[in-house]
PDB file of N, CA and C in Angstrom:
ATOM      1  N   MET A   1     128.600  81.732  91.562  1.00  0.00           N
ATOM      2  CA  MET A   1     128.056  83.241  91.826  1.00  0.00           C
ATOM      3  C   MET A   1     129.113  84.064  92.699  1.00  0.00           C
ATOM      4  N   ASN A   2     129.144  85.078  92.593  1.00  0.00           N
ATOM      5  CA  ASN A   2     130.013  86.315  92.868  1.00  0.00           C
ATOM      6  C   ASN A   2     129.101  87.002  94.044  1.00  0.00           C
ATOM      7  N   GLU A   3     129.439  87.371  95.026  1.00  0.00           N
ATOM      8  CA  GLU A   3     128.681  88.238  95.800  1.00  0.00           C
ATOM      9  C   GLU A   3     128.112  89.251  95.481  1.00  0.00           C
ATOM     10  N   LYS A   4     128.446  89.896  94.465  1.00  0.00           N
ATOM     11  CA  LYS A   4     127.611  91.303  93.716  1.00  0.00           C
ATOM     12  C   LYS A   4     126.537  90.546  93.082  1.00  0.00           C
ATOM     13  N   THR A   5     126.579  89.387  92.602  1.00  0.00           N
ATOM     14  CA  THR A   5     125.324  88.874  91.598  1.00  0.00           C
ATOM     15  C   THR A   5     124.283  88.622  93.373  1.00  0.00           C
ATOM     16  N   MET A   6     124.801  87.879  93.821  1.00  0.00           N
ATOM     17  CA  MET A   6     123.678  87.549  94.711  1.00  0.00           C
ATOM     18  C   MET A   6     123.017  88.343  95.918  1.00  0.00           C
ATOM     19  N   VAL A   7     123.835  89.966  96.041  1.00  0.00           N
ATOM     20  CA  VAL A   7     123.166  91.020  96.607  1.00  0.00           C
ATOM     21  C   VAL A   7     121.956  91.916  95.233  1.00  0.00           C
ATOM     22  N   ALA A   8     122.500  92.054  94.473  1.00  0.00           N
ATOM     23  CA  ALA A   8     121.454  91.887  93.587  1.00  0.00           C
ATOM     24  C   ALA A   8     120.253  91.024  92.943  1.00  0.00           C
ATOM     25  N   ASP A   9     120.662  89.903  93.175  1.00  0.00           N
ATOM     26  CA  ASP A   9     119.556  88.900  93.238  1.00  0.00           C
ATOM     27  C   ASP A   9     118.339  88.964  94.215  1.00  0.00           C
ATOM     28  N   THR A  10     119.266  89.140  95.313  1.00  0.00           N
ATOM     29  CA  THR A  10     118.628  89.508  96.546  1.00  0.00           C
ATOM     30  C   THR A  10     117.436  90.865  96.684  1.00  0.00           C
ATOM     31  N   LEU A  11     118.146  91.971  96.348  1.00  0.00           N
ATOM     32  CA  LEU A  11     117.254  92.763  96.219  1.00  0.00           C
ATOM     33  C   LEU A  11     116.152  92.553  95.258  1.00  0.00           C
ATOM     34  N   ALA A  12     116.844  92.069  94.257  1.00  0.00           N
ATOM     35  CA  ALA A  12     115.416  91.831  92.927  1.00  0.00           C
ATOM     36  C   ALA A  12     114.268  91.409  93.463  1.00  0.00           C
ATOM     37  N   GLY A  13     114.457  90.229  94.068  1.00  0.00           N
ATOM     38  CA  GLY A  13     113.864  89.369  95.146  1.00  0.00           C
ATOM     39  C   GLY A  13     112.909  90.116  96.363  1.00  0.00           C
ATOM     40  N   ILE A  14     113.583  90.514  96.809  1.00  0.00           N
ATOM     41  CA  ILE A  14     112.888  91.339  98.106  1.00  0.00           C
ATOM     42  C   ILE A  14     111.874  92.334  97.329  1.00  0.00           C
ATOM     43  N   ASN A  15     112.321  93.314  96.306  1.00  0.00           N
ATOM     44  CA  ASN A  15     111.114  93.676  95.809  1.00  0.00           C
ATOM     45  C   ASN A  15     110.263  93.238  95.159  1.00  0.00           C
ATOM     46  N   GLY A  16     110.369  92.560  94.481  1.00  0.00           N
ATOM     47  CA  GLY A  16     108.998  91.234  94.079  1.00  0.00           C
ATOM     48  C   GLY A  16     108.291  91.255  94.943  1.00  0.00           C
ATOM     49  N   GLU A  17     108.653  91.237  96.105  1.00  0.00           N
ATOM     50  CA  GLU A  17     107.958  90.755  97.384  1.00  0.00           C
ATOM     51  C   GLU A  17     106.974  91.682  97.933  1.00  0.00           C
ATOM     52  N   LEU A  18     107.717  93.258  98.005  1.00  0.00           N
ATOM     53  CA  LEU A  18     106.970  94.045  98.388  1.00  0.00           C
ATOM     54  C   LEU A  18     106.099  94.630  97.395  1.00  0.00           C
ATOM     55  N   VAL A  19     105.987  93.929  96.165  1.00  0.00           N
ATOM     56  CA  VAL A  19     104.934  94.733  95.150  1.00  0.00           C
ATOM     57  C   VAL A  19     104.002  93.692  95.501  1.00  0.00           C
ATOM     58  N   ARG A  20     104.228  92.337  95.797  1.00  0.00           N
ATOM     59  CA  ARG A  20     103.115  91.569  95.940  1.00  0.00           C
ATOM     60  C   ARG A  20     102.492  91.721  97.377  1.00  0.00           C
ATOM     61  N   TYR A  21     103.149  92.208  98.615  1.00  0.00           N
ATOM     62  CA  TYR A  21     102.744  92.359  99.503  1.00  0.00           C
ATOM     63  C   TYR A  21     101.596  93.309  99.452  1.00  0.00           C
ATOM     64  N   GLY A  22     102.082  94.370  98.725  1.00  0.00           N
ATOM     65  CA  GLY A  22     100.974  95.681  98.424  1.00  0.00           C
ATOM     66  C   GLY A  22     100.131  95.290  97.810  1.00  0.00           C
ATOM     67  N   GLU A  23      99.886  93.819  96.645  1.00  0.00           N
ATOM     68  CA  GLU A  23      98.491  93.574  95.977  1.00  0.00           C
ATOM     69  C   GLU A  23      97.898  93.050  96.818  1.00  0.00           C
ATOM     70  N   MET A  24      98.525  92.283  98.170  1.00  0.00           N
ATOM     71  CA  MET A  24      97.516  91.586  98.905  1.00  0.00           C
ATOM     72  C   MET A  24      97.081  92.327  99.836  1.00  0.00           C
ATOM     73  N   ILE A  25      97.596  93.452 100.382  1.00  0.00           N
ATOM     74  CA  ILE A  25      97.279  94.483 100.874  1.00  0.00           C
ATOM     75  C   ILE A  25      95.821  94.731 100.632  1.00  0.00           C
ATOM     76  N   SER A  26      95.715  94.859  99.487  1.00  0.00           N
ATOM     77  CA  SER A  26      94.637  96.184  98.954  1.00  0.00           C
ATOM     78  C   SER A  26      93.632  95.401  98.931  1.00  0.00           C
ATOM     79  N   GLN A  27      93.889  93.677  98.427  1.00  0.00           N
ATOM     80  CA  GLN A  27      92.763  92.946  97.671  1.00  0.00           C
ATOM     81  C   GLN A  27      92.146  92.111  99.156  1.00  0.00           C
ATOM     82  N   SER A  28      92.679  92.362 100.288  1.00  0.00           N
ATOM     83  CA  SER A  28      92.440  92.117 101.307  1.00  0.00           C
ATOM     84  C   SER A  28      91.284  92.663 102.378  1.00  0.00           C
ATOM     85  N   GLU A  29      90.114  91.462 102.818  1.00  0.00           N
ATOM     86  CA  GLU A  29      89.018  92.270 103.507  1.00  0.00           C
ATOM     87  C   GLU A  29      89.053  91.983 104.579  1.00  0.00           C
ATOM     88  N   ASN A  30      89.556  91.330 105.057  1.00  0.00           N
ATOM     89  CA  ASN A  30      90.023  90.537 106.570  1.00  0.00           C
ATOM     90  C   ASN A  30      90.784  91.627 107.355  1.00  0.00           C
ATOM     91  N   PRO A  31      90.525  92.954 108.259  1.00  0.00           N
ATOM     92  CA  PRO A  31      91.634  93.520 108.705  1.00  0.00           C
ATOM     93  C   PRO A  31      92.588  92.788 109.466  1.00  0.00           C
ATOM     94  N   GLN A  32      92.671  91.800 109.996  1.00  0.00           N
ATOM     95  CA  GLN A  32      93.595  91.044 110.889  1.00  0.00           C
ATOM     96  C   GLN A  32      94.466  90.807 109.959  1.00  0.00           C
ATOM     97  N   LEU A  33      94.030  89.821 109.040  1.00  0.00           N
ATOM     98  CA  LEU A  33      95.008  89.684 107.905  1.00  0.00           C
ATOM     99  C   LEU A  33      95.783  90.737 106.914  1.00  0.00           C
ATOM    100  N   LYS A  34      94.959  91.809 107.268  1.00  0.00           N
ATOM    101  CA  LYS A  34      95.708  92.831 106.225  1.00  0.00           C
ATOM    102  C   LYS A  34      96.844  93.829 107.244  1.00  0.00           C
ATOM    103  N   GLN A  35      96.792  93.785 108.657  1.00  0.00           N
ATOM    104  CA  GLN A  35      97.565  93.801 109.575  1.00  0.00           C
ATOM    105  C   GLN A  35      98.826  92.915 109.645  1.00  0.00           C
ATOM    106  N   THR A  36      98.457  92.144 109.420  1.00  0.00           N
ATOM    107  CA  THR A  36      99.627  90.626 109.091  1.00  0.00           C
ATOM    108  C   THR A  36     100.377  91.166 108.403  1.00  0.00           C
ATOM    109  N   LEU A  37      99.957  91.040 107.238  1.00  0.00           N
ATOM    110  CA  LEU A  37     100.336  91.307 105.837  1.00  0.00           C
ATOM    111  C   LEU A  37     101.293  92.748 105.888  1.00  0.00           C
ATOM    112  N   LYS A  38     100.893  93.748 106.327  1.00  0.00           N
ATOM    113  CA  LYS A  38     101.423  95.175 107.014  1.00  0.00           C
ATOM    114  C   LYS A  38     102.646  95.198 107.696  1.00  0.00           C
ATOM    115  N   GLN A  39     102.736  94.354 108.847  1.00  0.00           N
ATOM    116  CA  GLN A  39     103.749  94.084 109.782  1.00  0.00           C
ATOM    117  C   GLN A  39     104.840  93.324 108.873  1.00  0.00           C
ATOM    118  N   MET A  40     104.058  91.926 107.685  1.00  0.00           N
ATOM    119  CA  MET A  40     105.088  91.416 106.985  1.00  0.00           C
ATOM    120  C   MET A  40     106.286  92.124 106.080  1.00  0.00           C
ATOM    121  N   ARG A  41     105.293  92.800 105.710  1.00  0.00           N
ATOM    122  CA  ARG A  41     105.874  93.955 104.614  1.00  0.00           C
ATOM    123  C   ARG A  41     106.743  94.610 105.106  1.00  0.00           C
ATOM    124  N   ASN A  42     106.735  95.219 106.343  1.00  0.00           N
ATOM    125  CA  ASN A  42     107.545  96.170 106.859  1.00  0.00           C
ATOM    126  C   ASN A  42     108.901  95.694 107.418  1.00  0.00           C
ATOM    127  N   GLN A  43     108.403  94.771 107.807  1.00  0.00           N
ATOM    128  CA  GLN A  43     110.089  93.875 107.956  1.00  0.00           C
ATOM    129  C   GLN A  43     110.883  93.546 106.767  1.00  0.00           C
ATOM    130  N   CYS A  44     110.080  93.141 105.758  1.00  0.00           N
ATOM    131  CA  CYS A  44     110.852  92.886 104.202  1.00  0.00           C
ATOM    132  C   CYS A  44     111.267  94.399 103.945  1.00  0.00           C
ATOM    133  N   GLU A  45     111.010  95.438 104.009  1.00  0.00           N
ATOM    134  CA  GLU A  45     110.970  96.567 104.251  1.00  0.00           C
ATOM    135  C   GLU A  45     112.355  97.210 104.329  1.00  0.00           C
ATOM    136  N   MET A  46     112.316  97.189 105.909  1.00  0.00           N
ATOM    137  CA  MET A  46     113.383  96.462 106.593  1.00  0.00           C
ATOM    138  C   MET A  46     114.976  96.077 106.242  1.00  0.00           C
ATOM    139  N   SER A  47     114.823  94.600 105.464  1.00  0.00           N
ATOM    140  CA  SER A  47     115.374  93.609 105.225  1.00  0.00           C
ATOM    141  C   SER A  47     115.922  94.287 103.773  1.00  0.00           C
ATOM    142  N   GLN A  48     114.887  95.026 102.783  1.00  0.00           N
ATOM    143  CA  GLN A  48     115.244  95.695 101.723  1.00  0.00           C
ATOM    144  C   GLN A  48     116.604  97.248 102.292  1.00  0.00           C
ATOM    145  N   GLU A  49     116.169  97.346 103.210  1.00  0.00           N
ATOM    146  CA  GLU A  49     117.336  98.939 103.288  1.00  0.00           C
ATOM    147  C   GLU A  49     118.725  98.291 103.998  1.00  0.00           C
ATOM    148  N   GLU A  50     118.726  97.163 104.846  1.00  0.00           N
ATOM    149  CA  GLU A  50     119.788  96.789 105.065  1.00  0.00           C
ATOM    150  C   GLU A  50     120.583  96.396 103.763  1.00  0.00           C
ATOM    151  N   ILE A  51     119.992  95.296 102.995  1.00  0.00           N
ATOM    152  CA  ILE A  51     120.992  94.827 101.721  1.00  0.00           C
ATOM    153  C   ILE A  51     121.063  96.419 101.045  1.00  0.00           C
ATOM    154  N   TYR A  52     120.441  96.997 100.994  1.00  0.00           N
ATOM    155  CA  TYR A  52     120.649  98.057  99.553  1.00  0.00           C
ATOM    156  C   TYR A  52     122.017  99.214 100.646  1.00  0.00           C
ATOM    157  N   LYS A  53     121.784  99.193 101.789  1.00  0.00           N
ATOM    158  CA  LYS A  53     123.351  99.332 102.297  1.00  0.00           C
ATOM    159  C   LYS A  53     124.382  99.150 101.887  1.00  0.00           C
ATOM    160  N   ILE A  54     124.310  97.611 102.435  1.00  0.00           N
ATOM    161  CA  ILE A  54     125.246  96.585 101.915  1.00  0.00           C
ATOM    162  C   ILE A  54     125.691  97.251 100.031  1.00  0.00           C
ATOM    163  N   ALA A  55     124.728  97.314  99.605  1.00  0.00           N
ATOM    164  CA  ALA A  55     125.524  97.359  98.033  1.00  0.00           C
ATOM    165  C   ALA A  55     125.870  98.218  97.593  1.00  0.00           C
ATOM    166  N   ARG A  56     125.415  99.683  98.160  1.00  0.00           N
ATOM    167  CA  ARG A  56     126.159 100.838  98.259  1.00  0.00           C
ATOM    168  C   ARG A  56     127.443 101.128  98.947  1.00  0.00           C
ATOM    169  N   GLU A  57     127.904 100.423 100.136  1.00  0.00           N
ATOM    170  CA  GLU A  57     129.069 100.213 100.589  1.00  0.00           C
ATOM    171  C   GLU A  57     129.925  99.672  99.825  1.00  0.00           C
ATOM    172  N   ARG A  58     129.387  98.827  99.304  1.00  0.00           N
ATOM    173  CA  ARG A  58     130.456  98.105  98.473  1.00  0.00           C
ATOM    174  C   ARG A  58     130.438  98.538  96.963  1.00  0.00           C
ATOM    175  N   SER A  59     129.800  99.224  96.513  1.00  0.00           N
ATOM    176  CA  SER A  59     129.803  99.720  95.354  1.00  0.00           C
ATOM    177  C   SER A  59     129.420  99.137  94.183  1.00  0.00           C
ATOM    178  N   TYR A  60     128.584  98.317  94.648  1.00  0.00           N
ATOM    179  CA  TYR A  60     127.621  97.042  93.794  1.00  0.00           C
ATOM    180  C   TYR A  60     126.262  97.859  93.002  1.00  0.00           C
ATOM    181  N   TYR A  61     125.855  99.215  93.741  1.00  0.00           N
ATOM    182  CA  TYR A  61     124.935  99.739  93.024  1.00  0.00           C
ATOM    183  C   TYR A  61     125.110 101.307  93.144  1.00  0.00           C
ATOM    184  N   VAL A  62     124.768 101.905  92.419  1.00  0.00           N
ATOM    185  CA  VAL A  62     125.106 103.247  92.667  1.00  0.00           C
ATOM    186  C   VAL A  62     123.857 104.157  91.971  1.00  0.00           C
ATOM    187  N   PRO A  63     123.177 104.433  92.539  1.00  0.00           N
ATOM    188  CA  PRO A  63     122.051 105.721  92.488  1.00  0.00           C
ATOM    189  C   PRO A  63     121.997 105.990  90.992  1.00  0.00           C
ATOM    190  N   ALA A  64     121.173 106.634  90.658  1.00  0.00           N
ATOM    191  CA  ALA A  64     120.799 107.989  89.751  1.00  0.00           C
ATOM    192  C   ALA A  64     121.339 109.204  90.344  1.00  0.00           C
ATOM    193  N   ALA A  65     121.768 110.312  89.529  1.00  0.00           N
ATOM    194  CA  ALA A  65     121.487 111.737  90.059  1.00  0.00           C
ATOM    195  C   ALA A  65     120.842 111.838  90.984  1.00  0.00           C
ATOM    196  N   GLN A  66     120.586 112.739  91.716  1.00  0.00           N
ATOM    197  CA  GLN A  66     119.255 113.081  92.279  1.00  0.00           C
ATOM    198  C   GLN A  66     118.191 114.157  91.467  1.00  0.00           C
ATOM    199  N   ALA A  67     117.250 114.178  91.498  1.00  0.00           N
ATOM    200  CA  ALA A  67     116.408 115.199  90.519  1.00  0.00           C
ATOM    201  C   ALA A  67     116.596 116.865  91.369  1.00  0.00           C
ATOM    202  N   THR A  68     116.401 117.158  89.899  1.00  0.00           N
ATOM    203  CA  THR A  68     116.584 118.841  90.416  1.00  0.00           C
ATOM    204  C   THR A  68     115.434 119.385  90.984  1.00  0.00           C
ATOM    205  N   ARG A  69     115.267 120.856  91.339  1.00  0.00           N
ATOM    206  CA  ARG A  69     113.870 120.956  91.581  1.00  0.00           C
ATOM    207  C   ARG A  69     113.021 121.396  90.474  1.00  0.00           C
ATOM    208  N   GLU A  70     113.455 121.936  89.632  1.00  0.00           N
ATOM    209  CA  GLU A  70     112.940 121.878  88.734  1.00  0.00           C
ATOM    210  C   GLU A  70     112.383 120.341  88.275  1.00  0.00           C
ATOM    211  N   GLU A  71     112.835 119.392  87.889  1.00  0.00           N
ATOM    212  CA  GLU A  71     112.365 118.058  87.742  1.00  0.00           C
ATOM    213  C   GLU A  71     111.383 117.240  88.336  1.00  0.00           C
ATOM    214  N   VAL A  72     111.427 117.702  89.882  1.00  0.00           N
ATOM    215  CA  VAL A  72     110.796 117.659  90.762  1.00  0.00           C
ATOM    216  C   VAL A  72     109.055 118.318  90.920  1.00  0.00           C
ATOM    217  N   ASP A  73     109.199 119.714  90.137  1.00  0.00           N
ATOM    218  CA  ASP A  73     107.878 120.285  90.301  1.00  0.00           C
ATOM    219  C   ASP A  73     107.428 119.696  88.925  1.00  0.00           C
ATOM    220  N   HIS A  74     108.414 119.610  87.794  1.00  0.00           N
ATOM    221  CA  HIS A  74     107.611 119.588  86.748  1.00  0.00           C
ATOM    222  C   HIS A  74     106.934 117.627  86.575  1.00  0.00           C
ATOM    223  N   VAL A  75     107.416 117.374  87.508  1.00  0.00           N
ATOM    224  CA  VAL A  75     106.283 115.705  87.757  1.00  0.00           C
ATOM    225  C   VAL A  75     105.234 116.053  88.655  1.00  0.00           C
ATOM    226  N   ARG A  76     105.585 116.444  89.356  1.00  0.00           N
ATOM    227  CA  ARG A  76     104.135 117.148  90.383  1.00  0.00           C
ATOM    228  C   ARG A  76     103.420 117.677  89.846  1.00  0.00           C
ATOM    229  N   SER A  77     103.431 118.523  88.878  1.00  0.00           N
ATOM    230  CA  SER A  77     102.687 119.289  88.235  1.00  0.00           C
ATOM    231  C   SER A  77     101.642 118.108  87.106  1.00  0.00           C
ATOM    232  N   VAL A  78     102.677 117.688  86.908  1.00  0.00           N
ATOM    233  CA  VAL A  78     102.042 116.690  85.503  1.00  0.00           C
ATOM    234  C   VAL A  78     101.039 115.555  86.312  1.00  0.00           C
ATOM    235  N   LEU A  79     101.453 115.284  88.023  1.00  0.00           N
ATOM    236  CA  LEU A  79     100.549 113.629  88.383  1.00  0.00           C
ATOM    237  C   LEU A  79      99.417 114.696  89.266  1.00  0.00           C
ATOM    238  N   THR A  80      99.668 116.072  89.161  1.00  0.00           N
ATOM    239  CA  THR A  80      98.564 116.934  90.147  1.00  0.00           C
ATOM    240  C   THR A  80      97.630 117.269  88.782  1.00  0.00           C
ATOM    241  N   GLN A  81      97.644 117.114  87.272  1.00  0.00           N
ATOM    242  CA  GLN A  81      96.907 117.646  86.534  1.00  0.00           C
ATOM    243  C   GLN A  81      95.961 116.927  86.705  1.00  0.00           C
ATOM    244  N   GLY A  82      94.569 117.100  86.350  1.00  0.00           N
ATOM    245  CA  GLY A  82      93.537 115.870  86.415  1.00  0.00           C
ATOM    246  C   GLY A  82      92.595 115.773  86.924  1.00  0.00           C
TER     247      GLY A  82
END
């Protein structure tokens, strides 16, 4: 397995963890557990950012082009109608 594959797999795993933390936080009634989960999610987000930076630096990941102002405005209008 090469480094690019390992970085991609790591990012995919972390992204899955972030989704699960969000689900657990929203379903928890215990304030202490909720706070602990938020802290764990924040640590996970920091790890994701570090791996993402590595992927960008080594050209393992090339992000999509930035959205235009018109595209952003369109999405905003679609999401706020209703």
